[in-house]
Amino acid sequence: MDLKGAAVAVLISVLWGANTVVIKMGLEEAPPLRLACMRFVVGGAVICLWAWATGRFAGFRIEPAEWRPLALLGLLFSVQMAATNVGTWLTSAAHASVLINLYAVHTVVLAHFLIPGDRLTIRKLAGVLIAYSGIVLLGARQVAHGSPTLLGDVVVTVAGVLLAERTVYLARAVQRLDPVKLLLAQAIVGTALFVVVSSLVEPAPTRWTLRLAGSIAYQGILISGFNFVVNLALLRRYRPSALSAFFLTQPIFGVIAAALVAGDPLTPDLLIACAAVAVGIGLTSR
């Protein structure tokens, strides 16, 4: 990693770190799947504007062999986002921030099996065990105290695994597919799926407030637009495990944002889990 790449990686990590808190705010005004759908619509529009402004739509055409991987990516992203929003809805913003950002550790494990040359060393294995031990501690205390957020914690953990799989999938796909196609596949498939599913299972009304508008703008413009475009550019140049070094700030910033904005309590088990995940990410990235 050079200095420029490191600075960009830290910037998107800070934005991603606060994203869970922003999602939680939006969930106070709209159901989980409907909120994800609105994020996809805004994010897709931002991606289209970026592609048009940079001339990437010139000669744009999806080859027959590209439909299947693009559809699979869109489906994977949709399931991951559904799990993220539903899990965040069922748990606290602080818990969701720690658990979703465990994806950086999951990524290192998956990369060992799926990306040639990205091997799981002793140091990386130690980082994986430390990070997972913190999550086990958090989960054990939840079970012992009968916490109502336990189900949400489990769902967000599954979302983190899916996010790791998508990161590895993108790292491989971006080497042979146009980034615009990858980004639009996620937005289009996600929007189509969530329009249908939300209309069937989410009868609750949407409250159109400034808080909801801000949440959608943050998720759609900064996360689905800016962050995804920049992340794909980083994945074209650096290994996923190398980028993980700078993603260790995500759970830290997420927990801080949850405490300051959402008022979530910083319990000892939460702080230990956050520190374990951050240390794990740091070790697995070396």
C-alpha atoms as a PDB file:
ATOM      1  CA  MET A   1       0.000   0.000   0.000  1.00  0.00           C
ATOM      2  CA  ASP A   2       1.296   3.447  -0.918  1.00  0.00           C
ATOM      3  CA  LEU A   3       0.429   6.643   0.961  1.00  0.00           C
ATOM      4  CA  LYS A   4      -2.324   7.708  -1.434  1.00  0.00           C
ATOM      5  CA  GLY A   5      -4.019   4.310  -1.306  1.00  0.00           C
ATOM      6  CA  ALA A   6      -3.781   4.261   2.490  1.00  0.00           C
ATOM      7  CA  ALA A   7      -5.354   7.714   2.838  1.00  0.00           C
ATOM      8  CA  VAL A   8      -8.254   6.794   0.569  1.00  0.00           C
ATOM      9  CA  ALA A   9      -8.784   3.505   2.411  1.00  0.00           C
ATOM     10  CA  VAL A  10      -8.971   5.323   5.754  1.00  0.00           C
ATOM     11  CA  LEU A  11     -11.463   7.868   4.355  1.00  0.00           C
ATOM     12  CA  ILE A  12     -13.908   5.258   3.118  1.00  0.00           C
ATOM     13  CA  SER A  13     -13.433   3.331   6.356  1.00  0.00           C
ATOM     14  CA  VAL A  14     -14.558   6.340   8.394  1.00  0.00           C
ATOM     15  CA  LEU A  15     -17.629   6.753   6.185  1.00  0.00           C
ATOM     16  CA  TRP A  16     -18.438   3.055   6.365  1.00  0.00           C
ATOM     17  CA  GLY A  17     -17.885   3.029  10.114  1.00  0.00           C
ATOM     18  CA  ALA A  18     -20.710   5.499  10.665  1.00  0.00           C
ATOM     19  CA  ASN A  19     -22.993   3.856   8.102  1.00  0.00           C
ATOM     20  CA  THR A  20     -24.605   1.443  10.574  1.00  0.00           C
ATOM     21  CA  VAL A  21     -25.671   4.352  12.777  1.00  0.00           C
ATOM     22  CA  VAL A  22     -27.132   6.122   9.753  1.00  0.00           C
ATOM     23  CA  ILE A  23     -29.032   2.953   8.801  1.00  0.00           C
ATOM     24  CA  LYS A  24     -30.406   2.717  12.340  1.00  0.00           C
ATOM     25  CA  MET A  25     -31.648   6.295  12.093  1.00  0.00           C
ATOM     26  CA  GLY A  26     -33.371   5.571   8.799  1.00  0.00           C
ATOM     27  CA  LEU A  27     -35.023   2.456  10.235  1.00  0.00           C
ATOM     28  CA  GLU A  28     -36.914   4.668  12.676  1.00  0.00           C
ATOM     29  CA  GLU A  29     -38.795   6.111   9.697  1.00  0.00           C
ATOM     30  CA  ALA A  30     -39.015   3.215   7.195  1.00  0.00           C
ATOM     31  CA  PRO A  31     -39.083  -0.620   7.244  1.00  0.00           C
ATOM     32  CA  PRO A  32     -35.741  -2.419   6.596  1.00  0.00           C
ATOM     33  CA  LEU A  33     -36.268  -3.676   3.040  1.00  0.00           C
ATOM     34  CA  ARG A  34     -37.960  -0.481   1.875  1.00  0.00           C
ATOM     35  CA  LEU A  35     -35.062   1.546   3.246  1.00  0.00           C
ATOM     36  CA  ALA A  36     -32.622  -0.688   1.340  1.00  0.00           C
ATOM     37  CA  CYS A  37     -34.660  -0.215  -1.829  1.00  0.00           C
ATOM     38  CA  MET A  38     -34.527   3.575  -1.530  1.00  0.00           C
ATOM     39  CA  ARG A  39     -30.779   3.369  -0.948  1.00  0.00           C
ATOM     40  CA  PHE A  40     -30.383   1.298  -4.128  1.00  0.00           C
ATOM     41  CA  VAL A  41     -32.389   3.769  -6.200  1.00  0.00           C
ATOM     42  CA  VAL A  42     -30.290   6.737  -5.074  1.00  0.00           C
ATOM     43  CA  GLY A  43     -27.041   4.782  -5.306  1.00  0.00           C
ATOM     44  CA  GLY A  44     -27.891   3.564  -8.818  1.00  0.00           C
ATOM     45  CA  ALA A  45     -28.625   7.112  -9.935  1.00  0.00           C
ATOM     46  CA  VAL A  46     -25.291   8.330  -8.547  1.00  0.00           C
ATOM     47  CA  ILE A  47     -23.429   5.521 -10.320  1.00  0.00           C
ATOM     48  CA  CYS A  48     -25.166   6.336 -13.616  1.00  0.00           C
ATOM     49  CA  LEU A  49     -24.228  10.010 -13.291  1.00  0.00           C
ATOM     50  CA  TRP A  50     -20.604   9.070 -12.531  1.00  0.00           C
ATOM     51  CA  ALA A  51     -20.456   6.671 -15.488  1.00  0.00           C
ATOM     52  CA  TRP A  52     -21.998   9.242 -17.820  1.00  0.00           C
ATOM     53  CA  ALA A  53     -19.702  12.057 -16.647  1.00  0.00           C
ATOM     54  CA  THR A  54     -16.578   9.911 -17.085  1.00  0.00           C
ATOM     55  CA  GLY A  55     -17.596   8.554 -20.488  1.00  0.00           C
ATOM     56  CA  ARG A  56     -17.881   4.983 -19.231  1.00  0.00           C
ATOM     57  CA  PHE A  57     -21.199   4.438 -20.994  1.00  0.00           C
ATOM     58  CA  ALA A  58     -19.498   4.750 -24.380  1.00  0.00           C
ATOM     59  CA  GLY A  59     -19.868   1.368 -26.051  1.00  0.00           C
ATOM     60  CA  PHE A  60     -21.527  -0.024 -22.933  1.00  0.00           C
ATOM     61  CA  ARG A  61     -22.767  -3.540 -23.600  1.00  0.00           C
ATOM     62  CA  ILE A  62     -23.255  -6.622 -21.473  1.00  0.00           C
ATOM     63  CA  GLU A  63     -21.864  -9.730 -23.132  1.00  0.00           C
ATOM     64  CA  PRO A  64     -23.820 -13.009 -22.905  1.00  0.00           C
ATOM     65  CA  ALA A  65     -21.167 -14.566 -20.653  1.00  0.00           C
ATOM     66  CA  GLU A  66     -21.445 -11.647 -18.216  1.00  0.00           C
ATOM     67  CA  TRP A  67     -25.129 -11.958 -17.341  1.00  0.00           C
ATOM     68  CA  ARG A  68     -24.708 -14.862 -14.939  1.00  0.00           C
ATOM     69  CA  PRO A  69     -21.891 -13.426 -12.755  1.00  0.00           C
ATOM     70  CA  LEU A  70     -23.616 -10.036 -12.666  1.00  0.00           C
ATOM     71  CA  ALA A  71     -26.934 -11.590 -11.629  1.00  0.00           C
ATOM     72  CA  LEU A  72     -25.204 -13.651  -8.929  1.00  0.00           C
ATOM     73  CA  LEU A  73     -23.465 -10.547  -7.599  1.00  0.00           C
ATOM     74  CA  GLY A  74     -26.738  -8.621  -7.515  1.00  0.00           C
ATOM     75  CA  LEU A  75     -28.468 -11.448  -5.672  1.00  0.00           C
ATOM     76  CA  LEU A  76     -25.609 -11.814  -3.168  1.00  0.00           C
ATOM     77  CA  PHE A  77     -25.602  -8.077  -2.492  1.00  0.00           C
ATOM     78  CA  SER A  78     -29.372  -8.017  -2.064  1.00  0.00           C
ATOM     79  CA  VAL A  79     -29.379 -10.828   0.489  1.00  0.00           C
ATOM     80  CA  GLN A  80     -26.473  -9.210   2.345  1.00  0.00           C
ATOM     81  CA  MET A  81     -28.209  -5.830   2.487  1.00  0.00           C
ATOM     82  CA  ALA A  82     -31.472  -7.415   3.611  1.00  0.00           C
ATOM     83  CA  ALA A  83     -29.648  -9.180   6.448  1.00  0.00           C
ATOM     84  CA  THR A  84     -27.790  -5.980   7.347  1.00  0.00           C
ATOM     85  CA  ASN A  85     -30.913  -3.833   7.590  1.00  0.00           C
ATOM     86  CA  VAL A  86     -33.089  -6.433   9.297  1.00  0.00           C
ATOM     87  CA  GLY A  87     -30.319  -7.293  11.763  1.00  0.00           C
ATOM     88  CA  THR A  88     -29.625  -3.630  12.523  1.00  0.00           C
ATOM     89  CA  TRP A  89     -33.352  -3.094  13.036  1.00  0.00           C
ATOM     90  CA  LEU A  90     -33.365  -5.902  15.645  1.00  0.00           C
ATOM     91  CA  THR A  91     -30.202  -4.902  17.521  1.00  0.00           C
ATOM     92  CA  SER A  92     -28.408  -1.744  18.628  1.00  0.00           C
ATOM     93  CA  ALA A  93     -26.322   0.432  16.318  1.00  0.00           C
ATOM     94  CA  ALA A  94     -23.205  -0.256  18.403  1.00  0.00           C
ATOM     95  CA  HIS A  95     -23.589  -4.034  18.215  1.00  0.00           C
ATOM     96  CA  ALA A  96     -24.311  -3.871  14.494  1.00  0.00           C
ATOM     97  CA  SER A  97     -21.214  -1.715  13.916  1.00  0.00           C
ATOM     98  CA  VAL A  98     -18.922  -4.257  15.568  1.00  0.00           C
ATOM     99  CA  LEU A  99     -20.506  -7.350  14.033  1.00  0.00           C
ATOM    100  CA  ILE A 100     -20.831  -6.115  10.442  1.00  0.00           C
ATOM    101  CA  ASN A 101     -17.233  -4.893  10.426  1.00  0.00           C
ATOM    102  CA  LEU A 102     -16.042  -8.359  11.343  1.00  0.00           C
ATOM    103  CA  TYR A 103     -16.373  -8.919   7.588  1.00  0.00           C
ATOM    104  CA  ALA A 104     -12.749  -7.768   7.191  1.00  0.00           C
ATOM    105  CA  VAL A 105     -11.642 -10.819   9.187  1.00  0.00           C
ATOM    106  CA  HIS A 106     -14.054 -13.093   7.324  1.00  0.00           C
ATOM    107  CA  THR A 107     -12.565 -11.733   4.101  1.00  0.00           C
ATOM    108  CA  VAL A 108      -9.071 -12.875   5.042  1.00  0.00           C
ATOM    109  CA  VAL A 109     -10.338 -16.372   5.806  1.00  0.00           C
ATOM    110  CA  LEU A 110     -12.279 -16.613   2.537  1.00  0.00           C
ATOM    111  CA  ALA A 111      -9.423 -15.114   0.518  1.00  0.00           C
ATOM    112  CA  HIS A 112      -7.162 -17.943   1.724  1.00  0.00           C
ATOM    113  CA  PHE A 113      -9.378 -20.426  -0.093  1.00  0.00           C
ATOM    114  CA  LEU A 114     -10.592 -18.365  -3.034  1.00  0.00           C
ATOM    115  CA  ILE A 115      -7.769 -16.008  -4.103  1.00  0.00           C
ATOM    116  CA  PRO A 116      -4.457 -17.547  -5.273  1.00  0.00           C
ATOM    117  CA  GLY A 117      -1.468 -16.312  -3.259  1.00  0.00           C
ATOM    118  CA  ASP A 118      -3.538 -14.726  -0.483  1.00  0.00           C
ATOM    119  CA  ARG A 119      -2.498 -17.210   2.189  1.00  0.00           C
ATOM    120  CA  LEU A 120      -3.566 -17.516   5.828  1.00  0.00           C
ATOM    121  CA  THR A 121      -0.330 -17.150   7.854  1.00  0.00           C
ATOM    122  CA  ILE A 122       0.199 -17.797  11.571  1.00  0.00           C
ATOM    123  CA  ARG A 123      -0.158 -14.068  12.293  1.00  0.00           C
ATOM    124  CA  LYS A 124      -3.374 -13.867  10.321  1.00  0.00           C
ATOM    125  CA  LEU A 125      -4.731 -16.956  12.052  1.00  0.00           C
ATOM    126  CA  ALA A 126      -3.981 -15.366  15.430  1.00  0.00           C
ATOM    127  CA  GLY A 127      -5.878 -12.250  14.358  1.00  0.00           C
ATOM    128  CA  VAL A 128      -8.848 -14.344  13.251  1.00  0.00           C
ATOM    129  CA  LEU A 129      -8.959 -16.159  16.603  1.00  0.00           C
ATOM    130  CA  ILE A 130      -8.694 -12.909  18.591  1.00  0.00           C
ATOM    131  CA  ALA A 131     -11.476 -11.235  16.619  1.00  0.00           C
ATOM    132  CA  TYR A 132     -13.770 -14.234  16.842  1.00  0.00           C
ATOM    133  CA  SER A 133     -13.112 -14.637  20.572  1.00  0.00           C
ATOM    134  CA  GLY A 134     -14.357 -11.092  21.167  1.00  0.00           C
ATOM    135  CA  ILE A 135     -17.570 -11.855  19.300  1.00  0.00           C
ATOM    136  CA  VAL A 136     -18.018 -15.113  21.205  1.00  0.00           C
ATOM    137  CA  LEU A 137     -17.678 -13.172  24.462  1.00  0.00           C
ATOM    138  CA  LEU A 138     -20.261 -10.630  23.332  1.00  0.00           C
ATOM    139  CA  GLY A 139     -22.642 -13.389  22.260  1.00  0.00           C
ATOM    140  CA  ALA A 140     -22.151 -15.395  25.450  1.00  0.00           C
ATOM    141  CA  ARG A 141     -23.074 -12.426  27.631  1.00  0.00           C
ATOM    142  CA  GLN A 142     -26.103 -11.798  25.435  1.00  0.00           C
ATOM    143  CA  VAL A 143     -27.273 -15.376  25.920  1.00  0.00           C
ATOM    144  CA  ALA A 144     -26.570 -15.297  29.671  1.00  0.00           C
ATOM    145  CA  HIS A 145     -28.589 -12.133  30.184  1.00  0.00           C
ATOM    146  CA  GLY A 146     -31.365 -13.013  27.738  1.00  0.00           C
ATOM    147  CA  SER A 147     -30.779  -9.871  25.699  1.00  0.00           C
ATOM    148  CA  PRO A 148     -33.519  -8.904  23.193  1.00  0.00           C
ATOM    149  CA  THR A 149     -30.814  -7.927  20.679  1.00  0.00           C
ATOM    150  CA  LEU A 150     -29.431 -11.481  20.345  1.00  0.00           C
ATOM    151  CA  LEU A 151     -31.447 -12.352  17.235  1.00  0.00           C
ATOM    152  CA  GLY A 152     -30.366  -9.116  15.562  1.00  0.00           C
ATOM    153  CA  ASP A 153     -26.743  -9.839  16.468  1.00  0.00           C
ATOM    154  CA  VAL A 154     -26.959 -13.241  14.774  1.00  0.00           C
ATOM    155  CA  VAL A 155     -28.525 -11.783  11.620  1.00  0.00           C
ATOM    156  CA  VAL A 156     -25.892  -9.020  11.388  1.00  0.00           C
ATOM    157  CA  THR A 157     -23.137 -11.610  11.853  1.00  0.00           C
ATOM    158  CA  VAL A 158     -24.529 -13.546   8.890  1.00  0.00           C
ATOM    159  CA  ALA A 159     -24.609 -10.266   6.935  1.00  0.00           C
ATOM    160  CA  GLY A 160     -20.915  -9.785   7.751  1.00  0.00           C
ATOM    161  CA  VAL A 161     -20.059 -13.197   6.314  1.00  0.00           C
ATOM    162  CA  LEU A 162     -22.035 -12.397   3.162  1.00  0.00           C
ATOM    163  CA  LEU A 163     -20.275  -9.038   2.899  1.00  0.00           C
ATOM    164  CA  ALA A 164     -16.912 -10.805   3.107  1.00  0.00           C
ATOM    165  CA  GLU A 165     -17.945 -13.210   0.365  1.00  0.00           C
ATOM    166  CA  ARG A 166     -19.072 -10.282  -1.796  1.00  0.00           C
ATOM    167  CA  THR A 167     -15.747  -8.502  -1.205  1.00  0.00           C
ATOM    168  CA  VAL A 168     -13.812 -11.556  -2.391  1.00  0.00           C
ATOM    169  CA  TYR A 169     -16.198 -12.009  -5.316  1.00  0.00           C
ATOM    170  CA  LEU A 170     -15.706  -8.386  -6.354  1.00  0.00           C
ATOM    171  CA  ALA A 171     -11.920  -8.675  -6.015  1.00  0.00           C
ATOM    172  CA  ARG A 172     -11.977 -11.465  -8.579  1.00  0.00           C
ATOM    173  CA  ALA A 173     -14.733 -10.086 -10.819  1.00  0.00           C
ATOM    174  CA  VAL A 174     -13.264  -6.569 -11.085  1.00  0.00           C
ATOM    175  CA  GLN A 175     -10.226  -8.025 -12.849  1.00  0.00           C
ATOM    176  CA  ARG A 176     -12.354  -9.072 -15.840  1.00  0.00           C
ATOM    177  CA  LEU A 177     -15.588  -7.053 -15.658  1.00  0.00           C
ATOM    178  CA  ASP A 178     -16.233  -3.329 -16.026  1.00  0.00           C
ATOM    179  CA  PRO A 179     -16.757  -1.735 -12.570  1.00  0.00           C
ATOM    180  CA  VAL A 180     -19.822   0.104 -13.902  1.00  0.00           C
ATOM    181  CA  LYS A 181     -21.450  -3.211 -14.748  1.00  0.00           C
ATOM    182  CA  LEU A 182     -20.689  -4.571 -11.286  1.00  0.00           C
ATOM    183  CA  LEU A 183     -22.094  -1.522  -9.520  1.00  0.00           C
ATOM    184  CA  LEU A 184     -25.211  -1.276 -11.673  1.00  0.00           C
ATOM    185  CA  ALA A 185     -25.903  -5.004 -11.328  1.00  0.00           C
ATOM    186  CA  GLN A 186     -26.046  -4.590  -7.566  1.00  0.00           C
ATOM    187  CA  ALA A 187     -28.310  -1.532  -7.755  1.00  0.00           C
ATOM    188  CA  ILE A 188     -30.708  -2.877 -10.406  1.00  0.00           C
ATOM    189  CA  VAL A 189     -31.137  -6.392  -8.991  1.00  0.00           C
ATOM    190  CA  GLY A 190     -31.447  -5.037  -5.459  1.00  0.00           C
ATOM    191  CA  THR A 191     -34.056  -2.441  -6.407  1.00  0.00           C
ATOM    192  CA  ALA A 192     -36.160  -4.952  -8.339  1.00  0.00           C
ATOM    193  CA  LEU A 193     -36.087  -7.543  -5.561  1.00  0.00           C
ATOM    194  CA  PHE A 194     -36.816  -5.147  -2.729  1.00  0.00           C
ATOM    195  CA  VAL A 195     -39.685  -3.424  -4.527  1.00  0.00           C
ATOM    196  CA  VAL A 196     -41.444  -6.777  -4.818  1.00  0.00           C
ATOM    197  CA  VAL A 197     -40.532  -8.256  -1.427  1.00  0.00           C
ATOM    198  CA  SER A 198     -41.149  -5.051   0.535  1.00  0.00           C
ATOM    199  CA  SER A 199     -44.601  -4.615  -1.002  1.00  0.00           C
ATOM    200  CA  LEU A 200     -45.467  -8.145   0.121  1.00  0.00           C
ATOM    201  CA  VAL A 201     -44.097  -8.250   3.674  1.00  0.00           C
ATOM    202  CA  GLU A 202     -43.806  -4.645   4.887  1.00  0.00           C
ATOM    203  CA  PRO A 203     -47.220  -3.026   5.399  1.00  0.00           C
ATOM    204  CA  ALA A 204     -45.859  -0.363   7.785  1.00  0.00           C
ATOM    205  CA  PRO A 205     -45.977   3.177   6.338  1.00  0.00           C
ATOM    206  CA  THR A 206     -42.937   5.327   5.601  1.00  0.00           C
ATOM    207  CA  ARG A 207     -42.564   8.599   7.510  1.00  0.00           C
ATOM    208  CA  TRP A 208     -41.009  11.118   5.148  1.00  0.00           C
ATOM    209  CA  THR A 209     -38.791  13.203   7.413  1.00  0.00           C
ATOM    210  CA  LEU A 210     -35.502  15.064   7.141  1.00  0.00           C
ATOM    211  CA  ARG A 211     -33.899  12.261   9.146  1.00  0.00           C
ATOM    212  CA  LEU A 212     -34.987   9.717   6.541  1.00  0.00           C
ATOM    213  CA  ALA A 213     -33.818  11.968   3.700  1.00  0.00           C
ATOM    214  CA  GLY A 214     -30.421  12.365   5.328  1.00  0.00           C
ATOM    215  CA  SER A 215     -30.122   8.613   5.915  1.00  0.00           C
ATOM    216  CA  ILE A 216     -30.999   7.795   2.303  1.00  0.00           C
ATOM    217  CA  ALA A 217     -28.639  10.469   0.961  1.00  0.00           C
ATOM    218  CA  TYR A 218     -25.758   9.229   3.108  1.00  0.00           C
ATOM    219  CA  GLN A 219     -26.316   5.586   2.155  1.00  0.00           C
ATOM    220  CA  GLY A 220     -27.078   6.241  -1.491  1.00  0.00           C
ATOM    221  CA  ILE A 221     -24.588   8.991  -2.367  1.00  0.00           C
ATOM    222  CA  LEU A 222     -21.654   8.382  -0.027  1.00  0.00           C
ATOM    223  CA  ILE A 223     -21.864   4.621   0.545  1.00  0.00           C
ATOM    224  CA  SER A 224     -23.538   3.099  -2.546  1.00  0.00           C
ATOM    225  CA  GLY A 225     -22.023   5.731  -4.822  1.00  0.00           C
ATOM    226  CA  PHE A 226     -18.721   7.232  -3.706  1.00  0.00           C
ATOM    227  CA  ASN A 227     -17.496   4.455  -1.414  1.00  0.00           C
ATOM    228  CA  PHE A 228     -18.319   1.609  -3.772  1.00  0.00           C
ATOM    229  CA  VAL A 229     -16.657   3.303  -6.739  1.00  0.00           C
ATOM    230  CA  VAL A 230     -13.529   4.035  -4.716  1.00  0.00           C
ATOM    231  CA  ASN A 231     -13.524   0.566  -3.148  1.00  0.00           C
ATOM    232  CA  LEU A 232     -13.622  -1.104  -6.561  1.00  0.00           C
ATOM    233  CA  ALA A 233     -10.696   1.056  -7.676  1.00  0.00           C
ATOM    234  CA  LEU A 234      -8.732  -0.041  -4.600  1.00  0.00           C
ATOM    235  CA  LEU A 235      -9.581  -3.698  -5.207  1.00  0.00           C
ATOM    236  CA  ARG A 236      -8.185  -3.446  -8.734  1.00  0.00           C
ATOM    237  CA  ARG A 237      -4.825  -2.398  -7.316  1.00  0.00           C
ATOM    238  CA  TYR A 238      -4.482  -3.991  -3.862  1.00  0.00           C
ATOM    239  CA  ARG A 239      -5.243  -7.356  -2.293  1.00  0.00           C
ATOM    240  CA  PRO A 240      -8.330  -7.523  -0.034  1.00  0.00           C
ATOM    241  CA  SER A 241      -6.172  -8.566   2.932  1.00  0.00           C
ATOM    242  CA  ALA A 242      -3.929  -5.505   2.450  1.00  0.00           C
ATOM    243  CA  LEU A 243      -6.932  -3.188   2.494  1.00  0.00           C
ATOM    244  CA  SER A 244      -8.146  -4.820   5.693  1.00  0.00           C
ATOM    245  CA  ALA A 245      -5.351  -3.068   7.601  1.00  0.00           C
ATOM    246  CA  PHE A 246      -7.114   0.258   7.146  1.00  0.00           C
ATOM    247  CA  PHE A 247     -10.561  -1.144   7.774  1.00  0.00           C
ATOM    248  CA  LEU A 248      -9.722  -1.789  11.436  1.00  0.00           C
ATOM    249  CA  THR A 249     -10.964   1.737  12.165  1.00  0.00           C
ATOM    250  CA  GLN A 250     -14.495   0.897  11.031  1.00  0.00           C
ATOM    251  CA  PRO A 251     -15.773  -0.801  14.210  1.00  0.00           C
ATOM    252  CA  ILE A 252     -14.097   1.862  16.343  1.00  0.00           C
ATOM    253  CA  PHE A 253     -15.685   4.758  14.482  1.00  0.00           C
ATOM    254  CA  GLY A 254     -18.970   2.865  14.364  1.00  0.00           C
ATOM    255  CA  VAL A 255     -19.116   2.354  18.121  1.00  0.00           C
ATOM    256  CA  ILE A 256     -18.120   5.967  18.791  1.00  0.00           C
ATOM    257  CA  ALA A 257     -20.805   7.222  16.393  1.00  0.00           C
ATOM    258  CA  ALA A 258     -23.384   4.910  17.999  1.00  0.00           C
ATOM    259  CA  ALA A 259     -22.584   6.312  21.433  1.00  0.00           C
ATOM    260  CA  LEU A 260     -22.593   9.969  20.344  1.00  0.00           C
ATOM    261  CA  VAL A 261     -25.511   9.918  17.928  1.00  0.00           C
ATOM    262  CA  ALA A 262     -27.733   7.001  18.975  1.00  0.00           C
ATOM    263  CA  GLY A 263     -26.897   7.115  22.679  1.00  0.00           C
ATOM    264  CA  ASP A 264     -25.946   3.423  22.852  1.00  0.00           C
ATOM    265  CA  PRO A 265     -24.209   2.460  26.107  1.00  0.00           C
ATOM    266  CA  LEU A 266     -20.552   1.449  25.858  1.00  0.00           C
ATOM    267  CA  THR A 267     -20.687  -1.716  27.950  1.00  0.00           C
ATOM    268  CA  PRO A 268     -17.470  -3.589  28.878  1.00  0.00           C
ATOM    269  CA  ASP A 269     -18.308  -6.609  26.703  1.00  0.00           C
ATOM    270  CA  LEU A 270     -19.028  -4.338  23.738  1.00  0.00           C
ATOM    271  CA  LEU A 271     -15.725  -2.478  24.148  1.00  0.00           C
ATOM    272  CA  ILE A 272     -13.806  -5.756  24.471  1.00  0.00           C
ATOM    273  CA  ALA A 273     -15.484  -7.124  21.344  1.00  0.00           C
ATOM    274  CA  CYS A 274     -14.734  -3.891  19.455  1.00  0.00           C
ATOM    275  CA  ALA A 275     -11.077  -3.982  20.514  1.00  0.00           C
ATOM    276  CA  ALA A 276     -10.800  -7.675  19.619  1.00  0.00           C
ATOM    277  CA  VAL A 277     -12.207  -7.067  16.154  1.00  0.00           C
ATOM    278  CA  ALA A 278      -9.891  -4.096  15.580  1.00  0.00           C
ATOM    279  CA  VAL A 279      -6.829  -6.074  16.750  1.00  0.00           C
ATOM    280  CA  GLY A 280      -7.936  -9.041  14.664  1.00  0.00           C
ATOM    281  CA  ILE A 281      -8.251  -6.886  11.557  1.00  0.00           C
ATOM    282  CA  GLY A 282      -4.832  -5.390  12.211  1.00  0.00           C
ATOM    283  CA  LEU A 283      -3.160  -8.786  12.583  1.00  0.00           C
ATOM    284  CA  THR A 284      -4.911 -10.429   9.651  1.00  0.00           C
ATOM    285  CA  SER A 285      -3.871  -7.627   7.332  1.00  0.00           C
ATOM    286  CA  ARG A 286      -0.139  -8.213   7.840  1.00  0.00           C
END
